[in-house]
N, C-alpha and C. Protein backbone atom coordinates (compact mmCIF):
# COMPACT_ATOMS: atom_id res chain seq x y z
N UNK A 1 91.42 118.77 84.41
CA UNK A 1 91.82 118.70 85.91
C UNK A 1 92.37 117.52 86.52
N UNK A 2 93.27 117.60 87.04
CA UNK A 2 94.45 116.52 87.24
C UNK A 2 93.75 115.73 88.37
N UNK A 3 94.12 114.46 88.43
CA UNK A 3 93.37 113.27 89.38
C UNK A 3 94.06 113.41 90.60
N UNK A 4 94.20 113.78 91.92
CA UNK A 4 94.51 113.76 93.23
C UNK A 4 94.91 112.32 93.37
N UNK A 5 96.53 112.31 93.65
CA UNK A 5 96.79 111.14 93.81
C UNK A 5 96.90 110.84 95.06
N UNK A 6 96.19 109.45 95.80
CA UNK A 6 96.07 109.20 97.08
C UNK A 6 97.57 108.69 97.40
N UNK A 7 97.59 108.74 98.70
CA UNK A 7 99.29 108.04 99.14
C UNK A 7 99.10 106.40 99.23
N UNK A 8 99.64 105.75 99.10
CA UNK A 8 99.51 104.28 99.29
C UNK A 8 99.39 104.18 100.58
N UNK A 9 98.40 102.88 100.81
CA UNK A 9 98.00 102.35 102.58
C UNK A 9 99.15 101.87 102.79
N UNK A 10 100.36 101.25 101.93
CA UNK A 10 101.41 100.47 102.58
C UNK A 10 102.37 100.81 101.40
N UNK A 11 103.74 100.78 102.16
CA UNK A 11 104.91 101.02 101.06
C UNK A 11 105.70 99.71 101.18
N UNK A 12 105.97 99.30 99.85
CA UNK A 12 106.74 98.27 99.82
C UNK A 12 108.34 98.71 99.48
N UNK A 13 109.00 97.91 100.06
CA UNK A 13 110.49 97.60 99.55
C UNK A 13 111.00 97.78 98.20
N UNK A 14 112.16 98.37 98.06
CA UNK A 14 112.32 97.59 96.39
C UNK A 14 112.33 96.53 95.96
N UNK A 15 112.81 95.77 96.69
CA UNK A 15 112.47 94.17 96.29
C UNK A 15 111.19 93.46 96.50
N UNK A 16 110.37 94.09 97.35
CA UNK A 16 108.83 93.44 97.39
C UNK A 16 108.21 94.50 95.73
N UNK A 17 108.39 95.20 95.91
CA UNK A 17 108.05 96.04 94.40
C UNK A 17 108.25 95.18 93.34
N UNK A 18 109.70 94.98 93.35
CA UNK A 18 110.22 94.34 91.98
C UNK A 18 109.33 92.87 91.74
N UNK A 19 109.55 92.28 93.01
CA UNK A 19 108.61 90.87 93.18
C UNK A 19 107.29 90.89 92.75
N UNK A 20 106.52 92.10 92.99
CA UNK A 20 105.05 92.29 92.87
C UNK A 20 104.79 92.61 91.42
N UNK A 21 105.90 93.30 91.10
CA UNK A 21 105.68 93.88 89.56
C UNK A 21 106.16 92.64 88.58
N UNK A 22 106.79 91.69 89.06
CA UNK A 22 107.06 90.56 88.25
C UNK A 22 105.90 89.23 88.31
N UNK A 23 105.19 89.61 89.45
CA UNK A 23 104.39 88.59 89.21
C UNK A 23 102.86 89.13 88.70
N UNK A 24 102.53 90.48 88.48
CA UNK A 24 101.62 91.08 87.85
C UNK A 24 101.94 91.13 86.11
N UNK A 25 103.30 90.76 85.82
CA UNK A 25 103.71 90.50 84.60
C UNK A 25 103.24 89.00 84.08
N UNK A 26 103.81 88.25 85.03
CA UNK A 26 103.61 86.85 84.56
C UNK A 26 102.03 86.49 84.59
N UNK A 27 101.26 87.17 85.60
CA UNK A 27 99.99 86.78 85.97
C UNK A 27 99.05 87.41 84.59
N UNK A 28 99.63 88.56 84.00
CA UNK A 28 98.85 89.10 82.84
C UNK A 28 98.92 88.28 81.68
N UNK A 29 100.58 88.06 81.56
CA UNK A 29 100.73 87.20 80.52
C UNK A 29 100.37 85.49 80.31
N UNK A 30 100.11 85.17 81.47
CA UNK A 30 99.86 83.74 81.49
C UNK A 30 98.26 83.77 81.31
N UNK A 31 97.39 84.50 82.02
CA UNK A 31 96.14 84.63 82.22
C UNK A 31 95.45 84.98 80.70
N UNK A 32 96.20 86.46 80.46
CA UNK A 32 95.40 87.04 79.22
C UNK A 32 95.79 86.97 78.17
N UNK A 33 97.45 86.48 78.19
CA UNK A 33 98.55 86.58 76.84
C UNK A 33 98.56 87.99 76.63
N UNK A 34 98.61 89.04 77.46
CA UNK A 34 98.88 90.02 77.59
C UNK A 34 100.48 90.56 78.08
N UNK A 35 101.19 91.34 77.06
CA UNK A 35 102.62 91.50 77.43
C UNK A 35 102.52 93.01 78.21
N UNK A 36 102.72 93.23 79.17
CA UNK A 36 102.40 94.89 79.79
C UNK A 36 104.08 94.89 80.06
N UNK A 37 104.40 96.25 79.91
CA UNK A 37 105.52 97.14 80.00
C UNK A 37 105.60 97.48 81.26
N UNK A 38 106.66 97.84 81.94
CA UNK A 38 106.93 98.46 83.15
C UNK A 38 106.17 99.65 83.57
N UNK A 39 105.92 100.10 82.74
CA UNK A 39 104.89 101.65 83.06
C UNK A 39 103.65 101.14 83.40
N UNK A 40 103.09 100.30 82.63
CA UNK A 40 101.42 99.52 82.74
C UNK A 40 101.69 98.81 84.04
N UNK A 41 102.59 98.14 84.24
CA UNK A 41 102.51 97.52 85.81
C UNK A 41 102.80 98.12 86.55
N UNK A 42 103.47 99.00 86.57
CA UNK A 42 103.75 100.03 87.81
C UNK A 42 102.41 100.76 88.06
N UNK A 43 101.34 100.91 87.26
CA UNK A 43 100.12 101.71 87.40
C UNK A 43 99.22 100.77 87.84
N UNK A 44 99.07 99.65 87.43
CA UNK A 44 98.59 98.19 87.91
C UNK A 44 98.84 98.45 89.79
N UNK A 45 100.28 98.36 89.64
CA UNK A 45 100.55 98.37 91.44
C UNK A 45 100.27 99.26 92.18
N UNK A 46 100.38 100.69 91.59
CA UNK A 46 99.70 101.89 92.34
C UNK A 46 98.53 101.62 92.32
N UNK A 47 97.33 101.14 91.61
CA UNK A 47 95.92 100.66 91.68
C UNK A 47 95.90 99.94 93.06
N UNK A 48 96.48 98.74 93.11
CA UNK A 48 96.19 98.15 93.90
C UNK A 48 96.68 98.81 95.48
N UNK A 49 97.98 99.40 95.54
CA UNK A 49 98.40 100.17 96.99
C UNK A 49 97.60 101.05 97.32
N UNK A 50 96.79 101.66 96.42
CA UNK A 50 95.90 103.17 96.72
C UNK A 50 94.82 102.84 96.77
N UNK A 51 93.88 101.77 95.95
CA UNK A 51 92.28 101.78 96.16
C UNK A 51 92.08 100.69 96.51
N UNK A 52 92.91 99.27 96.47
CA UNK A 52 92.55 98.12 96.89
C UNK A 52 93.03 97.57 98.15
N UNK A 53 94.38 97.97 98.41
CA UNK A 53 95.05 97.47 99.50
C UNK A 53 94.25 97.95 101.01
N UNK A 54 93.69 99.11 101.05
CA UNK A 54 93.27 99.63 101.94
C UNK A 54 91.79 98.85 102.46
N UNK A 55 91.18 98.20 101.42
CA UNK A 55 90.06 97.39 102.06
C UNK A 55 90.47 96.09 102.66
N UNK A 56 91.67 95.82 102.10
CA UNK A 56 92.24 94.22 102.76
C UNK A 56 92.99 94.92 104.23
N UNK A 57 93.43 95.97 104.52
CA UNK A 57 94.16 96.50 105.52
C UNK A 57 92.83 96.71 106.57
N UNK A 58 92.18 97.50 106.29
CA UNK A 58 90.69 97.55 106.86
C UNK A 58 90.07 96.22 107.48
N UNK A 59 90.02 95.34 106.69
CA UNK A 59 89.48 93.81 107.08
C UNK A 59 90.40 93.12 108.15
N UNK A 60 91.64 93.40 107.70
CA UNK A 60 92.76 92.72 108.73
C UNK A 60 92.74 93.38 110.21
N UNK A 61 92.16 94.90 110.39
CA UNK A 61 92.33 95.56 111.41
C UNK A 61 91.09 95.09 112.10
N UNK A 62 89.92 94.75 111.45
CA UNK A 62 88.91 94.15 112.04
C UNK A 62 88.68 92.96 112.49
N UNK A 63 89.34 92.00 111.61
CA UNK A 63 89.85 90.93 112.50
C UNK A 63 90.52 90.70 113.60
N UNK A 64 91.72 91.52 113.34
CA UNK A 64 92.41 91.61 114.54
C UNK A 64 91.96 92.27 115.93
N UNK A 65 91.21 92.87 116.07
CA UNK A 65 90.13 93.67 117.03
C UNK A 65 89.21 92.57 117.54
N UNK A 66 88.52 91.61 116.63
CA UNK A 66 87.74 90.63 117.18
C UNK A 66 88.88 89.83 117.56
N UNK A 67 89.71 89.12 117.56
CA UNK A 67 90.56 88.35 117.84
C UNK A 67 90.76 88.91 119.24
N UNK A 68 91.46 90.07 119.29
CA UNK A 68 91.52 90.71 120.60
C UNK A 68 90.67 90.77 121.47
N UNK A 69 89.43 91.30 121.33
CA UNK A 69 88.25 91.22 121.94
C UNK A 69 87.94 89.92 122.63
N UNK A 70 87.95 89.14 121.69
CA UNK A 70 87.82 87.66 122.38
C UNK A 70 88.92 87.23 123.50
N UNK A 71 90.30 87.55 123.01
CA UNK A 71 91.24 87.21 123.97
C UNK A 71 91.26 87.99 125.04
N UNK A 72 90.70 89.06 125.10
CA UNK A 72 90.60 89.98 126.37
C UNK A 72 89.62 89.41 127.09
N UNK A 73 88.42 89.00 126.76
CA UNK A 73 87.13 88.38 127.60
C UNK A 73 87.77 87.49 128.12
N UNK A 74 88.41 86.26 127.62
CA UNK A 74 89.07 85.14 128.10
C UNK A 74 89.96 85.51 129.36
N UNK A 75 90.84 86.26 129.16
CA UNK A 75 91.43 86.81 129.98
C UNK A 75 90.69 87.39 131.41
N UNK A 76 89.59 88.26 131.07
CA UNK A 76 89.12 88.56 132.04
C UNK A 76 88.37 87.43 132.68
N UNK A 77 88.07 86.41 132.30
CA UNK A 77 87.36 85.41 132.91
C UNK A 77 88.23 84.86 133.90
N UNK A 78 89.41 84.42 132.96
CA UNK A 78 90.43 83.95 134.26
C UNK A 78 90.85 84.60 135.28
N UNK A 79 90.90 86.05 135.15
CA UNK A 79 91.02 87.01 136.28
C UNK A 79 89.85 86.75 137.44
N UNK A 80 88.98 86.79 136.86
CA UNK A 80 87.31 86.53 137.96
C UNK A 80 87.54 85.26 139.00
N UNK A 81 88.07 84.15 137.75
CA UNK A 81 88.35 83.02 138.80
C UNK A 81 89.46 83.05 139.65
N UNK A 82 90.16 83.84 139.75
CA UNK A 82 91.30 83.88 140.61
C UNK A 82 90.91 84.60 141.74
N UNK A 83 89.54 85.46 141.71
CA UNK A 83 89.18 86.21 143.10
C UNK A 83 89.02 85.03 144.17
N UNK A 84 88.98 86.00 145.18
CA UNK A 84 89.11 85.15 146.40
C UNK A 84 87.96 85.50 147.07
N UNK A 85 86.98 84.12 147.88
CA UNK A 85 85.80 84.73 148.36
C UNK A 85 86.10 85.35 149.89
């Protein structure tokens, strides 16, 4: 049974993908003395963009919602202060 491929949560430009690939290769070699080929690194990058990135994306959305909610509450207070008696 073939594994259903999820679409990535984000799409990198070719330059960003190349930079990410280089960083993964360097990390694996520096940290684990493991030399990976382009295919293996592409698989790792795909794992990050399809399985791990959504967690960071969702957290960023939550943080943005929290920030906006606080900002709107502040604006609402400012508007109430402008109310005439």
